[in-house]
Amino acid sequence: MNPHLCKGNFNSNHSRLKFKIILFSFKDDNGLYYFYAPQLDITAYGKTEKKAKEAFEIQLDEFFKYTLENNTLNSVLEELGWEINPKKVSAPQINRFMNQDSMLFDILGKYAVTSQPQDLQVPDFA
């Protein structure tokens, strides 16, 4: 895993939040496909990989829509371990989620997992 895959910045002139997270995907023992973003604590699943990815995108969209509409995005991200300042947004290092009590630790120990960087760009809906 490359911890440099989680980075971002905020450009207030263009009202856009851009960053990268690491997205993990796997298939469980029941044949369901999952996508998990520990840096945002978002998980989604589906009967196919495509359906799971679509469900993840919906969850992600709803997460940002809700937090932006309620002016809680910064506080929620900070609770998740993000560092936020006026010019840069930094996601927590992925190794932060590797303790023995973590969901990521359990997933990596039980399933064949793939990971990929995910570019995100979130418009300011406010």
C-alpha atoms as a PDB file:
ATOM      1  CA  MET A   1       0.000   0.000   0.000  1.00  0.00           C
ATOM      2  CA  ASN A   2       1.257   3.435  -0.881  1.00  0.00           C
ATOM      3  CA  PRO A   3       0.462   6.043   1.792  1.00  0.00           C
ATOM      4  CA  HIS A   4       1.074   8.821  -0.725  1.00  0.00           C
ATOM      5  CA  LEU A   5      -2.186   8.058  -2.482  1.00  0.00           C
ATOM      6  CA  CYS A   6      -4.179  10.156  -0.042  1.00  0.00           C
ATOM      7  CA  LYS A   7      -3.729  13.860  -0.589  1.00  0.00           C
ATOM      8  CA  GLY A   8      -5.763  16.851  -1.609  1.00  0.00           C
ATOM      9  CA  ASN A   9      -6.200  20.584  -1.751  1.00  0.00           C
ATOM     10  CA  PHE A  10      -8.912  23.162  -1.495  1.00  0.00           C
ATOM     11  CA  ASN A  11      -9.201  26.044  -3.926  1.00  0.00           C
ATOM     12  CA  SER A  12     -11.641  28.586  -2.547  1.00  0.00           C
ATOM     13  CA  ASN A  13     -11.598  30.606  -5.776  1.00  0.00           C
ATOM     14  CA  HIS A  14     -13.105  27.718  -7.688  1.00  0.00           C
ATOM     15  CA  SER A  15     -15.088  26.277  -4.752  1.00  0.00           C
ATOM     16  CA  ARG A  16     -13.818  22.767  -5.336  1.00  0.00           C
ATOM     17  CA  LEU A  17     -12.349  20.189  -3.022  1.00  0.00           C
ATOM     18  CA  LYS A  18      -9.978  17.817  -4.809  1.00  0.00           C
ATOM     19  CA  PHE A  19      -8.257  14.868  -3.213  1.00  0.00           C
ATOM     20  CA  LYS A  20      -7.260  11.238  -3.538  1.00  0.00           C
ATOM     21  CA  ILE A  21      -8.256   8.399  -1.288  1.00  0.00           C
ATOM     22  CA  ILE A  22      -7.481   4.711  -1.378  1.00  0.00           C
ATOM     23  CA  LEU A  23     -10.457   2.568  -2.280  1.00  0.00           C
ATOM     24  CA  PHE A  24     -10.432  -1.123  -1.329  1.00  0.00           C
ATOM     25  CA  SER A  25     -12.587  -3.717  -3.052  1.00  0.00           C
ATOM     26  CA  PHE A  26     -13.241  -7.351  -2.288  1.00  0.00           C
ATOM     27  CA  LYS A  27     -15.758 -10.169  -2.616  1.00  0.00           C
ATOM     28  CA  ASP A  28     -17.054 -11.766   0.585  1.00  0.00           C
ATOM     29  CA  ASP A  29     -17.895 -15.398   1.352  1.00  0.00           C
ATOM     30  CA  ASN A  30     -21.520 -14.859   0.278  1.00  0.00           C
ATOM     31  CA  GLY A  31     -20.514 -13.594  -3.158  1.00  0.00           C
ATOM     32  CA  LEU A  32     -21.232  -9.910  -2.475  1.00  0.00           C
ATOM     33  CA  TYR A  33     -18.822  -7.294  -3.770  1.00  0.00           C
ATOM     34  CA  TYR A  34     -17.704  -4.440  -1.515  1.00  0.00           C
ATOM     35  CA  PHE A  35     -16.011  -1.096  -1.894  1.00  0.00           C
ATOM     36  CA  TYR A  36     -14.557   0.469   1.238  1.00  0.00           C
ATOM     37  CA  ALA A  37     -12.899   3.847   1.799  1.00  0.00           C
ATOM     38  CA  PRO A  38     -11.497   3.846   5.344  1.00  0.00           C
ATOM     39  CA  GLN A  39     -10.408   7.492   5.073  1.00  0.00           C
ATOM     40  CA  LEU A  40     -14.073   8.475   4.700  1.00  0.00           C
ATOM     41  CA  ASP A  41     -15.560   5.524   6.610  1.00  0.00           C
ATOM     42  CA  ILE A  42     -17.798   4.702   3.651  1.00  0.00           C
ATOM     43  CA  THR A  43     -18.696   1.157   2.617  1.00  0.00           C
ATOM     44  CA  ALA A  44     -21.022  -0.055  -0.113  1.00  0.00           C
ATOM     45  CA  TYR A  45     -21.854  -3.441  -1.587  1.00  0.00           C
ATOM     46  CA  GLY A  46     -23.678  -5.071  -4.467  1.00  0.00           C
ATOM     47  CA  LYS A  47     -24.331  -8.389  -6.186  1.00  0.00           C
ATOM     48  CA  THR A  48     -21.811  -7.469  -8.891  1.00  0.00           C
ATOM     49  CA  GLU A  49     -18.652  -5.385  -8.812  1.00  0.00           C
ATOM     50  CA  LYS A  50     -20.352  -2.809 -11.017  1.00  0.00           C
ATOM     51  CA  LYS A  51     -23.366  -2.570  -8.669  1.00  0.00           C
ATOM     52  CA  ALA A  52     -21.064  -2.237  -5.655  1.00  0.00           C
ATOM     53  CA  LYS A  53     -19.124   0.567  -7.338  1.00  0.00           C
ATOM     54  CA  GLU A  54     -22.377   2.346  -8.241  1.00  0.00           C
ATOM     55  CA  ALA A  55     -23.592   1.970  -4.643  1.00  0.00           C
ATOM     56  CA  PHE A  56     -20.292   3.393  -3.393  1.00  0.00           C
ATOM     57  CA  GLU A  57     -20.605   6.400  -5.691  1.00  0.00           C
ATOM     58  CA  ILE A  58     -24.127   7.028  -4.374  1.00  0.00           C
ATOM     59  CA  GLN A  59     -22.920   6.768  -0.762  1.00  0.00           C
ATOM     60  CA  LEU A  60     -20.043   9.126  -1.508  1.00  0.00           C
ATOM     61  CA  ASP A  61     -22.312  11.634  -3.216  1.00  0.00           C
ATOM     62  CA  GLU A  62     -24.767  11.548  -0.310  1.00  0.00           C
ATOM     63  CA  PHE A  63     -21.946  11.944   2.223  1.00  0.00           C
ATOM     64  CA  PHE A  64     -20.698  15.130   0.577  1.00  0.00           C
ATOM     65  CA  LYS A  65     -24.136  16.456  -0.244  1.00  0.00           C
ATOM     66  CA  TYR A  66     -25.290  16.065   3.359  1.00  0.00           C
ATOM     67  CA  THR A  67     -22.144  17.466   4.967  1.00  0.00           C
ATOM     68  CA  LEU A  68     -21.967  20.418   2.590  1.00  0.00           C
ATOM     69  CA  GLU A  69     -25.650  21.288   2.976  1.00  0.00           C
ATOM     70  CA  ASN A  70     -25.314  21.139   6.770  1.00  0.00           C
ATOM     71  CA  ASN A  71     -21.953  22.952   6.880  1.00  0.00           C
ATOM     72  CA  THR A  72     -20.361  19.999   8.665  1.00  0.00           C
ATOM     73  CA  LEU A  73     -17.873  18.770   6.059  1.00  0.00           C
ATOM     74  CA  ASN A  74     -14.793  20.162   7.816  1.00  0.00           C
ATOM     75  CA  SER A  75     -15.798  18.893  11.240  1.00  0.00           C
ATOM     76  CA  VAL A  76     -16.706  15.429   9.919  1.00  0.00           C
ATOM     77  CA  LEU A  77     -13.434  15.132   7.999  1.00  0.00           C
ATOM     78  CA  GLU A  78     -11.487  16.270  11.055  1.00  0.00           C
ATOM     79  CA  GLU A  79     -13.275  13.625  13.153  1.00  0.00           C
ATOM     80  CA  LEU A  80     -12.109  11.080  10.572  1.00  0.00           C
ATOM     81  CA  GLY A  81      -8.506  12.241  11.036  1.00  0.00           C
ATOM     82  CA  TRP A  82      -8.162  14.650   8.117  1.00  0.00           C
ATOM     83  CA  GLU A  83      -5.948  17.725   8.369  1.00  0.00           C
ATOM     84  CA  ILE A  84      -7.655  20.809   6.975  1.00  0.00           C
ATOM     85  CA  ASN A  85      -6.287  24.272   6.393  1.00  0.00           C
ATOM     86  CA  PRO A  86      -7.276  27.017   3.916  1.00  0.00           C
ATOM     87  CA  LYS A  87      -4.959  25.780   1.149  1.00  0.00           C
ATOM     88  CA  LYS A  88      -4.664  22.045   1.661  1.00  0.00           C
ATOM     89  CA  VAL A  89      -6.719  19.066   2.723  1.00  0.00           C
ATOM     90  CA  SER A  90      -4.817  15.928   3.740  1.00  0.00           C
ATOM     91  CA  ALA A  91      -6.444  12.559   4.221  1.00  0.00           C
ATOM     92  CA  PRO A  92      -5.120  10.437   7.078  1.00  0.00           C
ATOM     93  CA  GLN A  93      -2.377   7.969   6.219  1.00  0.00           C
ATOM     94  CA  ILE A  94      -3.798   4.544   5.459  1.00  0.00           C
ATOM     95  CA  ASN A  95      -1.642   2.885   8.125  1.00  0.00           C
ATOM     96  CA  ARG A  96      -3.791   4.721  10.713  1.00  0.00           C
ATOM     97  CA  PHE A  97      -6.512   2.162   9.925  1.00  0.00           C
ATOM     98  CA  MET A  98      -4.338  -0.908  10.400  1.00  0.00           C
ATOM     99  CA  ASN A  99      -4.759  -1.571  14.123  1.00  0.00           C
ATOM    100  CA  GLN A 100      -6.093  -4.953  15.183  1.00  0.00           C
ATOM    101  CA  ASP A 101      -9.548  -3.605  16.022  1.00  0.00           C
ATOM    102  CA  SER A 102     -10.085  -1.964  12.647  1.00  0.00           C
ATOM    103  CA  MET A 103     -12.411  -2.965   9.846  1.00  0.00           C
ATOM    104  CA  LEU A 104      -9.539  -2.661   7.337  1.00  0.00           C
ATOM    105  CA  PHE A 105      -7.366  -5.038   9.380  1.00  0.00           C
ATOM    106  CA  ASP A 106     -10.190  -7.593   9.392  1.00  0.00           C
ATOM    107  CA  ILE A 107     -10.849  -7.211   5.665  1.00  0.00           C
ATOM    108  CA  LEU A 108      -7.191  -7.578   4.699  1.00  0.00           C
ATOM    109  CA  GLY A 109      -6.847 -10.641   6.897  1.00  0.00           C
ATOM    110  CA  LYS A 110      -9.899 -12.414   5.532  1.00  0.00           C
ATOM    111  CA  TYR A 111     -10.375 -11.541   1.828  1.00  0.00           C
ATOM    112  CA  ALA A 112      -8.425 -11.122  -1.380  1.00  0.00           C
ATOM    113  CA  VAL A 113      -8.431  -7.330  -1.537  1.00  0.00           C
ATOM    114  CA  THR A 114      -7.478  -4.972  -4.312  1.00  0.00           C
ATOM    115  CA  SER A 115      -6.788  -1.318  -3.735  1.00  0.00           C
ATOM    116  CA  GLN A 116      -6.758   1.616  -6.087  1.00  0.00           C
ATOM    117  CA  PRO A 117      -6.335   5.359  -5.781  1.00  0.00           C
ATOM    118  CA  GLN A 118      -9.570   7.243  -6.313  1.00  0.00           C
ATOM    119  CA  ASP A 119      -9.548  10.854  -7.510  1.00  0.00           C
ATOM    120  CA  LEU A 120     -12.400  12.870  -6.075  1.00  0.00           C
ATOM    121  CA  GLN A 121     -13.569  16.348  -6.854  1.00  0.00           C
ATOM    122  CA  VAL A 122     -16.396  17.768  -4.805  1.00  0.00           C
ATOM    123  CA  PRO A 123     -18.173  20.978  -5.764  1.00  0.00           C
ATOM    124  CA  ASP A 124     -19.211  23.346  -3.032  1.00  0.00           C
ATOM    125  CA  PHE A 125     -23.013  23.036  -3.016  1.00  0.00           C
ATOM    126  CA  ALA A 126     -23.484  25.678  -0.322  1.00  0.00           C
END
